[in-house]
Amino acid sequence: MPRYVIERELPTGITESEIEDAVRRAIAVNATLPAIRWVHSNLTVDRRKFFCEYEAPNPDALREAARLADIPCDRVSEVVEVRASQYKLSGG
């Protein structure tokens, strides 16, 4: 299944409680959409952006899930995983 990263721009001054509510809404919506799997997310320290990684059939499915959860979905990029363990150092 394709993997995507969603960039979500958050409103200035968003509270921890508002973030938790949004995450709960996303979990509830995702539970009704078996084709979508939330892998993990990263929140910037300044709470201005969320980067969320998902497996999904296509970007439109993720945009619809965000709409249903009433959360931002500013950019969706298809990604492939790259890990340091996939590479060997040469010459040593």
C-alpha atoms as a PDB file:
ATOM      1  CA  MET A   1       0.000   0.000   0.000  1.00  0.00           C
ATOM      2  CA  PRO A   2       1.348   3.479  -0.798  1.00  0.00           C
ATOM      3  CA  ARG A   3       2.690   5.565   2.066  1.00  0.00           C
ATOM      4  CA  TYR A   4       2.104   9.302   2.467  1.00  0.00           C
ATOM      5  CA  VAL A   5       3.170  12.156   4.706  1.00  0.00           C
ATOM      6  CA  ILE A   6       0.574  14.806   5.444  1.00  0.00           C
ATOM      7  CA  GLU A   7       1.765  18.252   6.457  1.00  0.00           C
ATOM      8  CA  ARG A   8      -0.757  19.975   8.691  1.00  0.00           C
ATOM      9  CA  GLU A   9      -0.369  23.649   9.556  1.00  0.00           C
ATOM     10  CA  LEU A  10      -1.850  24.341  12.974  1.00  0.00           C
ATOM     11  CA  PRO A  11      -3.351  27.613  14.158  1.00  0.00           C
ATOM     12  CA  THR A  12      -1.170  29.854  16.303  1.00  0.00           C
ATOM     13  CA  GLY A  13      -1.874  29.372  19.981  1.00  0.00           C
ATOM     14  CA  ILE A  14      -3.387  25.902  19.662  1.00  0.00           C
ATOM     15  CA  THR A  15      -3.581  24.238  23.067  1.00  0.00           C
ATOM     16  CA  GLU A  16      -2.561  20.742  24.098  1.00  0.00           C
ATOM     17  CA  SER A  17      -6.235  19.986  24.723  1.00  0.00           C
ATOM     18  CA  GLU A  18      -7.181  21.061  21.187  1.00  0.00           C
ATOM     19  CA  ILE A  19      -4.409  18.897  19.753  1.00  0.00           C
ATOM     20  CA  GLU A  20      -5.603  15.905  21.807  1.00  0.00           C
ATOM     21  CA  ASP A  21      -9.204  16.455  20.633  1.00  0.00           C
ATOM     22  CA  ALA A  22      -8.069  16.559  16.994  1.00  0.00           C
ATOM     23  CA  VAL A  23      -6.050  13.358  17.417  1.00  0.00           C
ATOM     24  CA  ARG A  24      -9.065  11.617  18.985  1.00  0.00           C
ATOM     25  CA  ARG A  25     -11.270  12.726  16.073  1.00  0.00           C
ATOM     26  CA  ALA A  26      -8.700  11.415  13.587  1.00  0.00           C
ATOM     27  CA  ILE A  27      -8.513   8.061  15.386  1.00  0.00           C
ATOM     28  CA  ALA A  28     -12.313   7.770  15.394  1.00  0.00           C
ATOM     29  CA  VAL A  29     -12.582   8.551  11.673  1.00  0.00           C
ATOM     30  CA  ASN A  30      -9.686   6.264  10.762  1.00  0.00           C
ATOM     31  CA  ALA A  31     -11.419   3.418  12.611  1.00  0.00           C
ATOM     32  CA  THR A  32     -14.280   3.685  10.106  1.00  0.00           C
ATOM     33  CA  LEU A  33     -11.936   3.664   7.098  1.00  0.00           C
ATOM     34  CA  PRO A  34     -10.109   0.320   7.023  1.00  0.00           C
ATOM     35  CA  ALA A  35      -8.085   1.266   3.928  1.00  0.00           C
ATOM     36  CA  ILE A  36      -6.258   3.956   5.929  1.00  0.00           C
ATOM     37  CA  ARG A  37      -3.609   3.202   8.555  1.00  0.00           C
ATOM     38  CA  TRP A  38      -1.946   5.862  10.673  1.00  0.00           C
ATOM     39  CA  VAL A  39       1.749   4.966  11.038  1.00  0.00           C
ATOM     40  CA  HIS A  40       3.000   7.809  13.249  1.00  0.00           C
ATOM     41  CA  SER A  41       3.156  11.584  13.566  1.00  0.00           C
ATOM     42  CA  ASN A  42       5.613  14.270  14.584  1.00  0.00           C
ATOM     43  CA  LEU A  43       4.580  17.597  16.093  1.00  0.00           C
ATOM     44  CA  THR A  44       7.017  20.496  15.838  1.00  0.00           C
ATOM     45  CA  VAL A  45       8.161  21.883  19.170  1.00  0.00           C
ATOM     46  CA  ASP A  46       6.488  25.226  18.432  1.00  0.00           C
ATOM     47  CA  ARG A  47       3.173  23.384  17.759  1.00  0.00           C
ATOM     48  CA  ARG A  48       2.812  25.006  14.356  1.00  0.00           C
ATOM     49  CA  LYS A  49       2.993  21.851  12.207  1.00  0.00           C
ATOM     50  CA  PHE A  50       2.119  18.199  12.392  1.00  0.00           C
ATOM     51  CA  PHE A  51       3.739  15.698  10.010  1.00  0.00           C
ATOM     52  CA  CYS A  52       1.643  12.533   9.859  1.00  0.00           C
ATOM     53  CA  GLU A  53       2.618   9.348   8.071  1.00  0.00           C
ATOM     54  CA  TYR A  54      -0.136   7.091   6.722  1.00  0.00           C
ATOM     55  CA  GLU A  55      -0.673   4.101   4.518  1.00  0.00           C
ATOM     56  CA  ALA A  56      -3.611   4.717   2.205  1.00  0.00           C
ATOM     57  CA  PRO A  57      -4.843   3.834  -1.268  1.00  0.00           C
ATOM     58  CA  ASN A  58      -4.458   7.426  -2.517  1.00  0.00           C
ATOM     59  CA  PRO A  59      -4.143  11.066  -1.392  1.00  0.00           C
ATOM     60  CA  ASP A  60      -7.860  11.751  -1.853  1.00  0.00           C
ATOM     61  CA  ALA A  61      -8.714   9.117   0.786  1.00  0.00           C
ATOM     62  CA  LEU A  62      -6.500  10.980   3.258  1.00  0.00           C
ATOM     63  CA  ARG A  63      -8.005  14.351   2.376  1.00  0.00           C
ATOM     64  CA  GLU A  64     -11.488  12.924   2.926  1.00  0.00           C
ATOM     65  CA  ALA A  65     -10.476  11.440   6.283  1.00  0.00           C
ATOM     66  CA  ALA A  66      -9.100  14.834   7.358  1.00  0.00           C
ATOM     67  CA  ARG A  67     -12.300  16.546   6.243  1.00  0.00           C
ATOM     68  CA  LEU A  68     -14.416  14.076   8.231  1.00  0.00           C
ATOM     69  CA  ALA A  69     -12.219  14.591  11.311  1.00  0.00           C
ATOM     70  CA  ASP A  70     -12.254  18.375  10.825  1.00  0.00           C
ATOM     71  CA  ILE A  71      -8.457  18.603  10.865  1.00  0.00           C
ATOM     72  CA  PRO A  72      -6.068  20.351   8.451  1.00  0.00           C
ATOM     73  CA  CYS A  73      -4.563  18.565   5.469  1.00  0.00           C
ATOM     74  CA  ASP A  74      -2.376  21.127   3.754  1.00  0.00           C
ATOM     75  CA  ARG A  75       0.011  18.940   1.755  1.00  0.00           C
ATOM     76  CA  VAL A  76       0.062  15.232   0.949  1.00  0.00           C
ATOM     77  CA  SER A  77       3.276  13.699  -0.402  1.00  0.00           C
ATOM     78  CA  GLU A  78       3.819  10.096  -1.386  1.00  0.00           C
ATOM     79  CA  VAL A  79       6.985   8.803   0.301  1.00  0.00           C
ATOM     80  CA  VAL A  80       9.214   5.755   0.521  1.00  0.00           C
ATOM     81  CA  GLU A  81      11.000   4.772   3.696  1.00  0.00           C
ATOM     82  CA  VAL A  82      14.778   5.212   3.796  1.00  0.00           C
ATOM     83  CA  ARG A  83      16.735   3.924   6.789  1.00  0.00           C
ATOM     84  CA  ALA A  84      20.431   4.177   7.575  1.00  0.00           C
ATOM     85  CA  SER A  85      20.503   0.405   8.097  1.00  0.00           C
ATOM     86  CA  GLN A  86      19.765  -0.041   4.375  1.00  0.00           C
ATOM     87  CA  TYR A  87      23.207   1.282   3.483  1.00  0.00           C
ATOM     88  CA  LYS A  88      26.721   0.076   4.143  1.00  0.00           C
ATOM     89  CA  LEU A  89      29.674   2.394   4.501  1.00  0.00           C
ATOM     90  CA  SER A  90      32.258   1.872   1.807  1.00  0.00           C
ATOM     91  CA  GLY A  91      35.950   1.479   2.522  1.00  0.00           C
ATOM     92  CA  GLY A  92      35.765   0.161   5.993  1.00  0.00           C
END
